[in-house]
Protein backbone atom coordinates (compact mmCIF):
# COMPACT_ATOMS: atom_id res chain seq x y z
CA MET A 1 6.23 -14.55 2.35
CA ILE A 2 5.81 -11.31 4.29
CA ILE A 3 3.85 -8.68 2.37
CA GLU A 4 2.96 -5.05 3.05
CA LEU A 5 0.20 -3.13 1.28
CA LEU A 6 0.38 0.63 0.73
CA MET A 7 -2.91 2.30 -0.17
CA ILE A 8 -2.53 5.85 -1.47
CA GLY A 9 -5.35 8.35 -1.81
CA ASN A 10 -6.80 11.44 -0.19
CA GLU A 11 -10.26 10.17 -1.13
CA ILE A 12 -9.79 7.21 1.22
CA LEU A 13 -8.60 9.37 4.11
CA ILE A 14 -11.58 11.74 3.88
CA GLY A 15 -14.11 8.93 3.56
CA LYS A 16 -15.14 9.73 0.00
CA THR A 17 -14.00 6.32 -1.25
CA GLN A 18 -13.96 3.09 0.70
CA ASP A 19 -10.72 1.11 0.51
CA THR A 20 -11.91 -2.16 -0.96
CA ASN A 21 -8.59 -2.83 -2.70
CA SER A 22 -6.68 -3.85 0.43
CA ASN A 23 -9.53 -6.11 1.53
CA TRP A 24 -9.65 -7.80 -1.87
CA MET A 25 -5.86 -8.23 -1.97
CA ALA A 26 -5.59 -9.49 1.61
CA LYS A 27 -8.21 -12.19 1.04
CA ARG A 28 -6.39 -13.52 -1.98
CA ILE A 29 -2.87 -13.20 -0.59
CA THR A 30 -3.66 -14.99 2.68
CA LYS A 31 -5.64 -17.64 0.82
CA TYR A 32 -2.34 -18.82 -0.65
CA GLY A 33 -0.53 -18.92 2.68
CA HIS A 34 1.24 -15.57 2.61
CA GLN A 35 1.16 -13.12 5.51
CA ILE A 36 0.08 -9.49 5.35
CA LYS A 37 2.32 -7.78 7.88
CA ARG A 38 0.84 -4.31 7.55
CA ILE A 39 -1.63 -2.24 5.53
CA THR A 40 -0.84 1.47 5.42
CA THR A 41 -3.06 4.22 4.02
CA ILE A 42 -1.64 7.64 3.19
CA GLY A 43 -2.63 10.73 1.22
CA ASP A 44 -1.59 11.89 -2.24
CA ASP A 45 1.42 13.90 -1.11
CA ILE A 46 4.71 13.04 -2.82
CA GLU A 47 6.79 13.69 0.31
CA THR A 48 4.52 11.43 2.38
CA ILE A 49 4.64 8.75 -0.28
CA SER A 50 8.43 8.94 -0.42
CA SER A 51 8.98 8.82 3.35
CA THR A 52 6.44 6.03 3.80
CA LEU A 53 8.09 3.95 1.09
CA GLN A 54 11.45 4.44 2.80
CA GLN A 55 9.98 3.32 6.15
CA ILE A 56 8.39 0.25 4.60
CA LEU A 57 11.60 -0.72 2.79
CA GLN A 58 13.53 -0.45 6.08
CA ARG A 59 11.25 -3.19 7.47
CA LYS A 60 12.34 -5.37 4.51
CA PRO A 61 9.10 -7.04 3.46
CA ASP A 62 9.42 -9.74 0.83
CA LEU A 63 6.91 -7.86 -1.30
CA LEU A 64 5.37 -4.38 -1.29
CA ILE A 65 2.16 -3.77 -3.21
CA THR A 66 0.90 -0.23 -3.79
CA SER A 67 -2.54 0.87 -4.92
CA GLY A 68 -3.66 4.36 -5.89
CA GLY A 69 -1.49 7.43 -5.90
CA ILE A 70 -1.05 10.72 -7.64
CA VAL A 71 -2.15 10.66 -11.27
CA GLY A 72 0.89 10.78 -13.52
CA ILE A 73 3.36 9.47 -10.91
CA TYR A 74 4.29 5.84 -11.12
CA ILE A 75 6.14 3.93 -8.43
CA VAL A 76 7.85 0.71 -9.41
CA ILE A 77 9.74 -1.36 -6.84
CA PHE A 78 11.70 -4.46 -7.71
């Protein structure tokens, strides 16, 4: 299974918060034989989130996992 991770948060980009989520997820995902194709980190801007999601979906990963984001906005992808 090909998987992409999308980490969302201005606090990651400015160095205020370390992205430990993608590390934690990657260890567990690869442990079970799946492949992380790409990990992308972006800020809390709705236009950036939207365009990045579109780009990722064009690559057609088997699974997309998101972490973080703008409070009050929920992104669900099936």
